């Protein structure tokens, strides 16, 4: 297997390109590195580094993100009625 670079998207919160992969209690997650000028935002956790990158880059949504998005959409829809 050949080495391939990991391409992390810019932070969706602050727009800085300082994200890094960090260990989490249940695997890995991507964080926006505050020590390098980022905001500290954290992506969803995954058992593998590629999985954590996929969550950060929005390659596939986490169940929690889907639930929060659906709740927010419902709240906006109800508010507009």
PDB file of N, CA and C in Angstrom:
ATOM      1  N   UNK A   1       0.845  -1.170   0.000  1.00  0.00           N
ATOM      2  CA  UNK A   1       0.000   0.000   0.000  1.00  0.00           C
ATOM      3  C   UNK A   1       0.890   1.234   0.000  1.00  0.00           C
ATOM      4  N   UNK A   2       0.597   2.199  -0.856  1.00  0.00           N
ATOM      5  CA  UNK A   2       1.414   3.404  -0.944  1.00  0.00           C
ATOM      6  C   UNK A   2       0.902   4.470   0.021  1.00  0.00           C
ATOM      7  N   UNK A   3       1.822   5.337   0.419  1.00  0.00           N
ATOM      8  CA  UNK A   3       1.479   6.421   1.329  1.00  0.00           C
ATOM      9  C   UNK A   3       0.686   7.471   0.586  1.00  0.00           C
ATOM     10  N   UNK A   4      -0.376   7.967   1.198  1.00  0.00           N
ATOM     11  CA  UNK A   4      -1.175   9.031   0.608  1.00  0.00           C
ATOM     12  C   UNK A   4      -1.348  10.129   1.637  1.00  0.00           C
ATOM     13  N   UNK A   5      -1.211  11.396   1.235  1.00  0.00           N
ATOM     14  CA  UNK A   5      -1.379  12.491   2.188  1.00  0.00           C
ATOM     15  C   UNK A   5      -2.825  12.585   2.658  1.00  0.00           C
ATOM     16  N   UNK A   6      -2.991  13.049   3.869  1.00  0.00           N
ATOM     17  CA  UNK A   6      -4.328  13.271   4.412  1.00  0.00           C
ATOM     18  C   UNK A   6      -4.693  14.720   4.166  1.00  0.00           C
ATOM     19  N   UNK A   7      -5.760  14.936   3.459  1.00  0.00           N
ATOM     20  CA  UNK A   7      -6.223  16.287   3.165  1.00  0.00           C
ATOM     21  C   UNK A   7      -7.369  16.647   4.093  1.00  0.00           C
ATOM     22  N   UNK A   8      -7.093  17.550   5.017  1.00  0.00           N
ATOM     23  CA  UNK A   8      -8.120  18.020   5.940  1.00  0.00           C
ATOM     24  C   UNK A   8      -8.715  19.319   5.407  1.00  0.00           C
ATOM     25  N   UNK A   9     -10.027  19.410   5.436  1.00  0.00           N
ATOM     26  CA  UNK A   9     -10.703  20.637   5.020  1.00  0.00           C
ATOM     27  C   UNK A   9     -10.412  21.743   6.033  1.00  0.00           C
ATOM     28  N   UNK A  10     -10.597  22.982   5.605  1.00  0.00           N
ATOM     29  CA  UNK A  10     -10.457  24.093   6.541  1.00  0.00           C
ATOM     30  C   UNK A  10     -11.563  23.981   7.587  1.00  0.00           C
ATOM     31  N   UNK A  11     -11.358  24.633   8.713  1.00  0.00           N
ATOM     32  CA  UNK A  11     -12.336  24.570   9.794  1.00  0.00           C
ATOM     33  C   UNK A  11     -13.658  25.200   9.358  1.00  0.00           C
ATOM     34  N   UNK A  12     -14.774  24.503   9.557  1.00  0.00           N
ATOM     35  CA  UNK A  12     -16.064  25.071   9.170  1.00  0.00           C
ATOM     36  C   UNK A  12     -16.499  26.214  10.077  1.00  0.00           C
ATOM     37  N   UNK A  13     -15.857  26.358  11.236  1.00  0.00           N
ATOM     38  CA  UNK A  13     -16.232  27.425  12.171  1.00  0.00           C
ATOM     39  C   UNK A  13     -15.444  28.707  11.945  1.00  0.00           C
ATOM     40  N   UNK A  14     -14.103  28.595  11.838  1.00  0.00           N
ATOM     41  CA  UNK A  14     -13.278  29.799  11.733  1.00  0.00           C
ATOM     42  C   UNK A  14     -12.631  29.971  10.369  1.00  0.00           C
ATOM     43  N   UNK A  15     -12.614  28.916   9.552  1.00  0.00           N
ATOM     44  CA  UNK A  15     -12.040  29.006   8.223  1.00  0.00           C
ATOM     45  C   UNK A  15     -10.524  28.859   8.167  1.00  0.00           C
ATOM     46  N   UNK A  16      -9.882  28.607   9.313  1.00  0.00           N
ATOM     47  CA  UNK A  16      -8.428  28.446   9.337  1.00  0.00           C
ATOM     48  C   UNK A  16      -8.055  27.042   8.881  1.00  0.00           C
ATOM     49  N   UNK A  17      -6.867  26.916   8.339  1.00  0.00           N
ATOM     50  CA  UNK A  17      -6.370  25.645   7.833  1.00  0.00           C
ATOM     51  C   UNK A  17      -5.331  25.081   8.802  1.00  0.00           C
ATOM     52  N   UNK A  18      -5.741  24.853  10.055  1.00  0.00           N
ATOM     53  CA  UNK A  18      -4.815  24.384  11.097  1.00  0.00           C
ATOM     54  C   UNK A  18      -5.338  23.130  11.802  1.00  0.00           C
ATOM     55  N   UNK A  19      -6.203  22.385  11.139  1.00  0.00           N
ATOM     56  CA  UNK A  19      -6.775  21.179  11.749  1.00  0.00           C
ATOM     57  C   UNK A  19      -5.729  20.081  11.850  1.00  0.00           C
ATOM     58  N   UNK A  20      -5.900  19.232  12.852  1.00  0.00           N
ATOM     59  CA  UNK A  20      -5.005  18.077  13.026  1.00  0.00           C
ATOM     60  C   UNK A  20      -5.804  16.919  13.592  1.00  0.00           C
ATOM     61  N   UNK A  21      -5.281  15.722  13.390  1.00  0.00           N
ATOM     62  CA  UNK A  21      -5.903  14.514  13.930  1.00  0.00           C
ATOM     63  C   UNK A  21      -5.408  14.334  15.357  1.00  0.00           C
ATOM     64  N   UNK A  22      -6.330  14.053  16.267  1.00  0.00           N
ATOM     65  CA  UNK A  22      -5.977  13.887  17.673  1.00  0.00           C
ATOM     66  C   UNK A  22      -6.598  12.598  18.202  1.00  0.00           C
ATOM     67  N   UNK A  23      -5.943  11.963  19.161  1.00  0.00           N
ATOM     68  CA  UNK A  23      -6.544  10.784  19.781  1.00  0.00           C
ATOM     69  C   UNK A  23      -7.770  11.182  20.600  1.00  0.00           C
ATOM     70  N   UNK A  24      -8.743  10.298  20.628  1.00  0.00           N
ATOM     71  CA  UNK A  24      -9.955  10.500  21.426  1.00  0.00           C
ATOM     72  C   UNK A  24     -10.180   9.240  22.254  1.00  0.00           C
ATOM     73  N   UNK A  25     -11.046   9.321  23.237  1.00  0.00           N
ATOM     74  CA  UNK A  25     -11.287   8.168  24.111  1.00  0.00           C
ATOM     75  C   UNK A  25     -11.806   6.963  23.338  1.00  0.00           C
ATOM     76  N   UNK A  26     -12.504   7.207  22.235  1.00  0.00           N
ATOM     77  CA  UNK A  26     -13.065   6.108  21.449  1.00  0.00           C
ATOM     78  C   UNK A  26     -12.446   6.005  20.059  1.00  0.00           C
ATOM     79  N   UNK A  27     -11.242   6.546  19.879  1.00  0.00           N
ATOM     80  CA  UNK A  27     -10.576   6.452  18.584  1.00  0.00           C
ATOM     81  C   UNK A  27      -9.821   7.718  18.245  1.00  0.00           C
ATOM     82  N   UNK A  28     -10.321   8.416  17.212  1.00  0.00           N
ATOM     83  CA  UNK A  28      -9.663   9.636  16.735  1.00  0.00           C
ATOM     84  C   UNK A  28     -10.709  10.688  16.420  1.00  0.00           C
ATOM     85  N   UNK A  29     -10.292  11.940  16.439  1.00  0.00           N
ATOM     86  CA  UNK A  29     -11.127  13.049  15.986  1.00  0.00           C
ATOM     87  C   UNK A  29     -10.212  14.108  15.413  1.00  0.00           C
ATOM     88  N   UNK A  30     -10.759  14.992  14.611  1.00  0.00           N
ATOM     89  CA  UNK A  30      -9.998  16.104  14.058  1.00  0.00           C
ATOM     90  C   UNK A  30     -10.373  17.342  14.854  1.00  0.00           C
ATOM     91  N   UNK A  31      -9.366  18.126  15.223  1.00  0.00           N
ATOM     92  CA  UNK A  31      -9.625  19.369  15.950  1.00  0.00           C
ATOM     93  C   UNK A  31      -8.970  20.537  15.217  1.00  0.00           C
ATOM     94  N   UNK A  32      -9.533  21.708  15.385  1.00  0.00           N
ATOM     95  CA  UNK A  32      -8.950  22.938  14.881  1.00  0.00           C
ATOM     96  C   UNK A  32      -7.975  23.413  15.958  1.00  0.00           C
ATOM     97  N   UNK A  33      -6.695  23.327  15.667  1.00  0.00           N
ATOM     98  CA  UNK A  33      -5.621  23.506  16.653  1.00  0.00           C
ATOM     99  C   UNK A  33      -5.518  24.943  17.153  1.00  0.00           C
ATOM    100  N   UNK A  34      -5.891  25.152  18.416  1.00  0.00           N
ATOM    101  CA  UNK A  34      -5.837  26.481  19.019  1.00  0.00           C
ATOM    102  C   UNK A  34      -4.403  26.981  19.181  1.00  0.00           C
ATOM    103  N   UNK A  35      -3.456  26.071  19.338  1.00  0.00           N
ATOM    104  CA  UNK A  35      -2.054  26.476  19.485  1.00  0.00           C
ATOM    105  C   UNK A  35      -1.488  27.051  18.192  1.00  0.00           C
ATOM    106  N   UNK A  36      -2.165  26.803  17.085  1.00  0.00           N
ATOM    107  CA  UNK A  36      -1.735  27.322  15.785  1.00  0.00           C
ATOM    108  C   UNK A  36      -2.695  28.390  15.263  1.00  0.00           C
ATOM    109  N   UNK A  37      -3.510  28.962  16.159  1.00  0.00           N
ATOM    110  CA  UNK A  37      -4.403  30.053  15.794  1.00  0.00           C
ATOM    111  C   UNK A  37      -5.822  29.656  15.488  1.00  0.00           C
ATOM    112  N   UNK A  38      -6.176  28.372  15.624  1.00  0.00           N
ATOM    113  CA  UNK A  38      -7.529  27.899  15.350  1.00  0.00           C
ATOM    114  C   UNK A  38      -8.485  28.173  16.487  1.00  0.00           C
ATOM    115  N   UNK A  39      -9.717  27.727  16.326  1.00  0.00           N
ATOM    116  CA  UNK A  39     -10.777  28.042  17.289  1.00  0.00           C
ATOM    117  C   UNK A  39     -11.076  26.911  18.267  1.00  0.00           C
ATOM    118  N   UNK A  40     -10.517  25.721  18.072  1.00  0.00           N
ATOM    119  CA  UNK A  40     -10.757  24.610  18.987  1.00  0.00           C
ATOM    120  C   UNK A  40     -11.949  23.740  18.620  1.00  0.00           C
ATOM    121  N   UNK A  41     -12.572  23.987  17.479  1.00  0.00           N
ATOM    122  CA  UNK A  41     -13.705  23.160  17.052  1.00  0.00           C
ATOM    123  C   UNK A  41     -13.253  21.706  16.917  1.00  0.00           C
ATOM    124  N   UNK A  42     -14.164  20.781  17.188  1.00  0.00           N
ATOM    125  CA  UNK A  42     -13.859  19.358  17.101  1.00  0.00           C
ATOM    126  C   UNK A  42     -14.834  18.660  16.174  1.00  0.00           C
ATOM    127  N   UNK A  43     -14.306  17.758  15.375  1.00  0.00           N
ATOM    128  CA  UNK A  43     -15.148  16.934  14.521  1.00  0.00           C
ATOM    129  C   UNK A  43     -15.638  15.712  15.285  1.00  0.00           C
ATOM    130  N   UNK A  44     -16.452  14.918  14.655  1.00  0.00           N
ATOM    131  CA  UNK A  44     -16.940  13.695  15.277  1.00  0.00           C
ATOM    132  C   UNK A  44     -15.835  12.678  15.460  1.00  0.00           C
ATOM    133  N   UNK A  45     -16.001  11.800  16.425  1.00  0.00           N
ATOM    134  CA  UNK A  45     -14.980  10.782  16.671  1.00  0.00           C
ATOM    135  C   UNK A  45     -15.282   9.525  15.866  1.00  0.00           C
ATOM    136  N   UNK A  46     -14.203   8.846  15.500  1.00  0.00           N
ATOM    137  CA  UNK A  46     -14.302   7.614  14.728  1.00  0.00           C
ATOM    138  C   UNK A  46     -13.224   6.657  15.210  1.00  0.00           C
ATOM    139  N   UNK A  47     -13.377   5.391  14.907  1.00  0.00           N
ATOM    140  CA  UNK A  47     -12.410   4.386  15.349  1.00  0.00           C
ATOM    141  C   UNK A  47     -11.110   4.443  14.571  1.00  0.00           C
ATOM    142  N   UNK A  48     -11.136   5.034  13.386  1.00  0.00           N
ATOM    143  CA  UNK A  48      -9.937   5.112  12.548  1.00  0.00           C
ATOM    144  C   UNK A  48      -9.649   6.569  12.185  1.00  0.00           C
ATOM    145  N   UNK A  49      -8.388   6.838  11.837  1.00  0.00           N
ATOM    146  CA  UNK A  49      -8.026   8.186  11.396  1.00  0.00           C
ATOM    147  C   UNK A  49      -8.764   8.576  10.111  1.00  0.00           C
ATOM    148  N   UNK A  50      -8.831   7.695   9.101  1.00  0.00           N
ATOM    149  CA  UNK A  50      -9.594   8.070   7.898  1.00  0.00           C
ATOM    150  C   UNK A  50     -11.075   8.342   8.203  1.00  0.00           C
ATOM    151  N   UNK A  51     -11.629   7.610   9.154  1.00  0.00           N
ATOM    152  CA  UNK A  51     -13.017   7.857   9.539  1.00  0.00           C
ATOM    153  C   UNK A  51     -13.198   9.231  10.150  1.00  0.00           C
ATOM    154  N   UNK A  52     -12.263   9.636  11.011  1.00  0.00           N
ATOM    155  CA  UNK A  52     -12.326  10.962  11.631  1.00  0.00           C
ATOM    156  C   UNK A  52     -12.163  12.058  10.579  1.00  0.00           C
ATOM    157  N   UNK A  53     -11.276  11.825   9.623  1.00  0.00           N
ATOM    158  CA  UNK A  53     -11.085  12.789   8.536  1.00  0.00           C
ATOM    159  C   UNK A  53     -12.355  12.906   7.710  1.00  0.00           C
ATOM    160  N   UNK A  54     -13.005  11.778   7.439  1.00  0.00           N
ATOM    161  CA  UNK A  54     -14.250  11.798   6.679  1.00  0.00           C
ATOM    162  C   UNK A  54     -15.336  12.591   7.373  1.00  0.00           C
ATOM    163  N   UNK A  55     -15.415  12.479   8.700  1.00  0.00           N
ATOM    164  CA  UNK A  55     -16.408  13.256   9.440  1.00  0.00           C
ATOM    165  C   UNK A  55     -16.082  14.743   9.381  1.00  0.00           C
ATOM    166  N   UNK A  56     -14.807  15.087   9.540  1.00  0.00           N
ATOM    167  CA  UNK A  56     -14.394  16.499   9.502  1.00  0.00           C
ATOM    168  C   UNK A  56     -14.648  17.096   8.121  1.00  0.00           C
ATOM    169  N   UNK A  57     -14.315  16.349   7.095  1.00  0.00           N
ATOM    170  CA  UNK A  57     -14.455  16.842   5.725  1.00  0.00           C
ATOM    171  C   UNK A  57     -15.878  16.715   5.193  1.00  0.00           C
ATOM    172  N   UNK A  58     -16.790  16.236   6.018  1.00  0.00           N
ATOM    173  CA  UNK A  58     -18.187  16.030   5.624  1.00  0.00           C
ATOM    174  C   UNK A  58     -18.334  15.049   4.483  1.00  0.00           C
ATOM    175  N   UNK A  59     -17.435  14.061   4.438  1.00  0.00           N
ATOM    176  CA  UNK A  59     -17.577  13.000   3.446  1.00  0.00           C
ATOM    177  C   UNK A  59     -18.796  12.135   3.764  1.00  0.00           C
ATOM    178  N   UNK A  60     -19.099  12.023   5.043  1.00  0.00           N
ATOM    179  CA  UNK A  60     -20.320  11.359   5.481  1.00  0.00           C
ATOM    180  C   UNK A  60     -20.671  11.908   6.855  1.00  0.00           C
ATOM    181  N   UNK A  61     -21.942  12.156   7.093  1.00  0.00           N
ATOM    182  CA  UNK A  61     -22.347  12.767   8.361  1.00  0.00           C
ATOM    183  C   UNK A  61     -22.390  11.752   9.502  1.00  0.00           C
ATOM    184  N   UNK A  62     -22.121  12.234  10.696  1.00  0.00           N
ATOM    185  CA  UNK A  62     -22.260  11.385  11.870  1.00  0.00           C
ATOM    186  C   UNK A  62     -23.737  11.336  12.259  1.00  0.00           C
ATOM    187  N   UNK A  63     -24.179  10.295  12.945  1.00  0.00           N
ATOM    188  CA  UNK A  63     -25.580  10.234  13.375  1.00  0.00           C
ATOM    189  C   UNK A  63     -25.963  11.433  14.242  1.00  0.00           C
ATOM    190  N   UNK A  64     -25.041  11.879  15.090  1.00  0.00           N
ATOM    191  CA  UNK A  64     -25.326  13.043  15.934  1.00  0.00           C
ATOM    192  C   UNK A  64     -25.531  14.297  15.109  1.00  0.00           C
ATOM    193  N   UNK A  65     -24.718  14.473  14.071  1.00  0.00           N
ATOM    194  CA  UNK A  65     -24.853  15.645  13.215  1.00  0.00           C
ATOM    195  C   UNK A  65     -26.184  15.617  12.472  1.00  0.00           C
ATOM    196  N   UNK A  66     -26.579  14.450  12.015  1.00  0.00           N
ATOM    197  CA  UNK A  66     -27.866  14.324  11.322  1.00  0.00           C
ATOM    198  C   UNK A  66     -29.009  14.678  12.269  1.00  0.00           C
ATOM    199  N   UNK A  67     -28.957  14.192  13.501  1.00  0.00           N
ATOM    200  CA  UNK A  67     -30.007  14.476  14.476  1.00  0.00           C
ATOM    201  C   UNK A  67     -30.076  15.968  14.791  1.00  0.00           C
ATOM    202  N   UNK A  68     -28.921  16.603  14.981  1.00  0.00           N
ATOM    203  CA  UNK A  68     -28.906  18.036  15.274  1.00  0.00           C
ATOM    204  C   UNK A  68     -29.419  18.848  14.092  1.00  0.00           C
ATOM    205  N   UNK A  69     -29.029  18.475  12.893  1.00  0.00           N
ATOM    206  CA  UNK A  69     -29.493  19.177  11.702  1.00  0.00           C
ATOM    207  C   UNK A  69     -31.003  19.044  11.561  1.00  0.00           C
ATOM    208  N   UNK A  70     -31.522  17.841  11.751  1.00  0.00           N
ATOM    209  CA  UNK A  70     -32.966  17.631  11.649  1.00  0.00           C
ATOM    210  C   UNK A  70     -33.720  18.425  12.715  1.00  0.00           C
ATOM    211  N   UNK A  71     -33.183  18.468  13.937  1.00  0.00           N
ATOM    212  CA  UNK A  71     -33.831  19.226  15.005  1.00  0.00           C
ATOM    213  C   UNK A  71     -33.831  20.716  14.686  1.00  0.00           C
ATOM    214  N   UNK A  72     -32.721  21.219  14.159  1.00  0.00           N
ATOM    215  CA  UNK A  72     -32.644  22.635  13.808  1.00  0.00           C
ATOM    216  C   UNK A  72     -33.602  22.971  12.674  1.00  0.00           C
ATOM    217  N   UNK A  73     -33.684  22.104  11.668  1.00  0.00           N
ATOM    218  CA  UNK A  73     -34.607  22.345  10.564  1.00  0.00           C
ATOM    219  C   UNK A  73     -36.049  22.338  11.038  1.00  0.00           C
ATOM    220  N   UNK A  74     -36.387  21.434  11.941  1.00  0.00           N
ATOM    221  CA  UNK A  74     -37.740  21.360  12.473  1.00  0.00           C
ATOM    222  C   UNK A  74     -38.070  22.628  13.251  1.00  0.00           C
ATOM    223  N   UNK A  75     -37.112  23.112  14.036  1.00  0.00           N
ATOM    224  CA  UNK A  75     -37.321  24.317  14.830  1.00  0.00           C
ATOM    225  C   UNK A  75     -37.552  25.518  13.919  1.00  0.00           C
ATOM    226  N   UNK A  76     -36.768  25.649  12.849  1.00  0.00           N
ATOM    227  CA  UNK A  76     -36.931  26.761  11.909  1.00  0.00           C
ATOM    228  C   UNK A  76     -38.265  26.646  11.198  1.00  0.00           C
ATOM    229  N   UNK A  77     -38.627  25.434  10.784  1.00  0.00           N
ATOM    230  CA  UNK A  77     -39.894  25.236  10.076  1.00  0.00           C
ATOM    231  C   UNK A  77     -41.069  25.624  10.967  1.00  0.00           C
ATOM    232  N   UNK A  78     -41.016  25.185  12.242  1.00  0.00           N
ATOM    233  CA  UNK A  78     -42.107  25.504  13.170  1.00  0.00           C
ATOM    234  C   UNK A  78     -42.161  26.998  13.462  1.00  0.00           C
ATOM    235  N   UNK A  79     -40.996  27.630  13.555  1.00  0.00           N
ATOM    236  CA  UNK A  79     -40.948  29.051  13.863  1.00  0.00           C
ATOM    237  C   UNK A  79     -41.540  29.874  12.725  1.00  0.00           C
ATOM    238  N   UNK A  80     -41.356  29.421  11.488  1.00  0.00           N
ATOM    239  CA  UNK A  80     -41.833  30.176  10.336  1.00  0.00           C
ATOM    240  C   UNK A  80     -43.322  30.033  10.114  1.00  0.00           C
ATOM    241  N   UNK A  81     -43.960  29.087  10.758  1.00  0.00           N
ATOM    242  CA  UNK A  81     -45.394  28.862  10.543  1.00  0.00           C
ATOM    243  C   UNK A  81     -46.216  29.860  11.240  1.00  0.00           C
TER     244      UNK A  81
END
